[in-house]
Amino acid sequence: MSKVLFVKGTPQSEEQSRSTQVARAFINEYKEVNPTDEIIEVDVYYANVPLIDADFLTGQKKLRSGEALTDVEAQKVEAVNAFTKQFMEVDKYIIQSSMWN
């Protein structure tokens, strides 16, 4: 059994987004061919993905040097690390990205 991360990259609903419709059709077919695989879906527009900002970078630097982090730094580092861990724990990726023109 493989773990698959489906990263949805549009704020539009599935009814409005053709790229999401194509991705969903692919996933449905994938599930038929790989019924034991686990598919984890992350909608990056609604998942509260943290920004890489000065607090995060300072927190990372402090971690490497063994210094104590502020509460804000710790919160941001933990949030980014949670997404990183999720990304690293899967075997395959499906990334849906809309083309807006």
Protein backbone atom coordinates (compact mmCIF):
# COMPACT_ATOMS: atom_id res chain seq x y z
CA MET A 1 0.00 0.00 0.00
CA SER A 2 1.29 3.43 -0.97
CA LYS A 3 0.39 6.79 0.49
CA VAL A 4 -0.51 9.42 -2.07
CA LEU A 5 -0.70 13.15 -1.34
CA PHE A 6 -3.14 15.06 -3.54
CA VAL A 7 -2.33 18.77 -3.36
CA LYS A 8 -5.26 20.80 -4.63
CA GLY A 9 -4.10 24.22 -5.81
CA THR A 10 -7.15 26.32 -6.62
CA PRO A 11 -9.66 28.25 -4.53
CA GLN A 12 -12.41 27.41 -7.01
CA SER A 13 -14.98 24.71 -6.34
CA GLU A 14 -14.72 21.44 -8.20
CA GLU A 15 -17.70 22.46 -10.32
CA GLN A 16 -15.89 25.64 -11.41
CA SER A 17 -12.39 24.26 -11.92
CA ARG A 18 -11.72 22.09 -14.93
CA SER A 19 -8.23 21.27 -13.65
CA THR A 20 -9.76 19.95 -10.42
CA GLN A 21 -12.25 17.94 -12.44
CA VAL A 22 -9.39 16.40 -14.43
CA ALA A 23 -7.42 15.71 -11.25
CA ARG A 24 -10.50 14.11 -9.63
CA ALA A 25 -11.05 11.91 -12.71
CA PHE A 26 -7.39 10.85 -12.52
CA ILE A 27 -7.70 10.09 -8.80
CA ASN A 28 -10.87 8.05 -9.33
CA GLU A 29 -9.13 5.99 -12.02
CA TYR A 30 -6.03 5.70 -9.84
CA LYS A 31 -8.15 4.34 -6.97
CA GLU A 32 -9.61 1.68 -9.26
CA VAL A 33 -6.14 0.54 -10.33
CA ASN A 34 -4.62 0.91 -6.83
CA PRO A 35 -7.47 0.15 -4.40
CA THR A 36 -5.23 -0.34 -1.37
CA ASP A 37 -3.44 3.00 -1.68
CA GLU A 38 -4.34 5.74 0.77
CA ILE A 39 -5.01 9.16 -0.76
CA ILE A 40 -4.57 12.20 1.48
CA GLU A 41 -6.00 15.45 0.14
CA VAL A 42 -4.67 18.88 1.07
CA ASP A 43 -6.37 22.00 -0.25
CA VAL A 44 -3.60 24.59 0.05
CA TYR A 45 -6.04 27.50 -0.18
CA TYR A 46 -7.88 26.40 2.95
CA ALA A 47 -5.24 24.48 4.90
CA ASN A 48 -3.69 27.49 6.64
CA VAL A 49 -0.27 26.80 5.20
CA PRO A 50 2.11 29.00 7.21
CA LEU A 51 4.24 31.62 5.55
CA ILE A 52 7.99 31.37 5.65
CA ASP A 53 8.65 34.67 7.43
CA ALA A 54 11.22 36.24 9.76
CA ASP A 55 9.77 34.52 12.86
CA PHE A 56 10.02 31.10 11.19
CA LEU A 57 13.56 31.70 9.90
CA THR A 58 14.71 33.02 13.29
CA GLY A 59 13.13 30.01 14.99
CA GLN A 60 14.91 27.61 12.63
CA LYS A 61 18.23 29.34 13.32
CA LYS A 62 17.64 29.15 17.08
CA LEU A 63 16.80 25.45 16.84
CA ARG A 64 20.08 24.73 15.07
CA SER A 65 22.04 26.60 17.72
CA GLY A 66 20.10 25.19 20.67
CA GLU A 67 18.55 28.50 21.74
CA ALA A 68 15.04 28.81 23.17
CA LEU A 69 12.32 29.89 20.76
CA THR A 70 9.64 32.46 21.49
CA ASP A 71 6.07 31.15 21.52
CA VAL A 72 5.43 32.70 18.10
CA GLU A 73 8.60 31.21 16.61
CA ALA A 74 7.82 27.78 18.05
CA GLN A 75 4.26 27.87 16.72
CA LYS A 76 5.40 28.79 13.21
CA VAL A 77 8.24 26.25 13.13
CA GLU A 78 5.90 23.48 14.34
CA ALA A 79 3.26 24.42 11.73
CA VAL A 80 5.76 24.33 8.85
CA ASN A 81 7.29 21.12 10.18
CA ALA A 82 3.86 19.45 10.26
CA PHE A 83 3.36 20.15 6.54
CA THR A 84 6.93 19.06 5.79
CA LYS A 85 6.41 15.81 7.70
CA GLN A 86 3.17 15.11 5.85
CA PHE A 87 4.93 15.70 2.52
CA MET A 88 7.85 13.45 3.44
CA GLU A 89 5.68 10.59 4.73
CA VAL A 90 3.97 9.84 1.42
CA ASP A 91 5.20 7.77 -1.49
CA LYS A 92 3.54 9.58 -4.40
CA TYR A 93 2.24 13.04 -5.22
CA ILE A 94 -0.58 14.41 -7.34
CA ILE A 95 -0.36 18.17 -7.66
CA GLN A 96 -3.29 19.99 -9.23
CA SER A 97 -2.48 23.49 -10.40
CA SER A 98 -4.93 25.63 -12.31
CA MET A 99 -4.10 27.59 -15.41
CA TRP A 100 -5.77 30.98 -15.21
CA ASN A 101 -5.85 33.03 -18.37
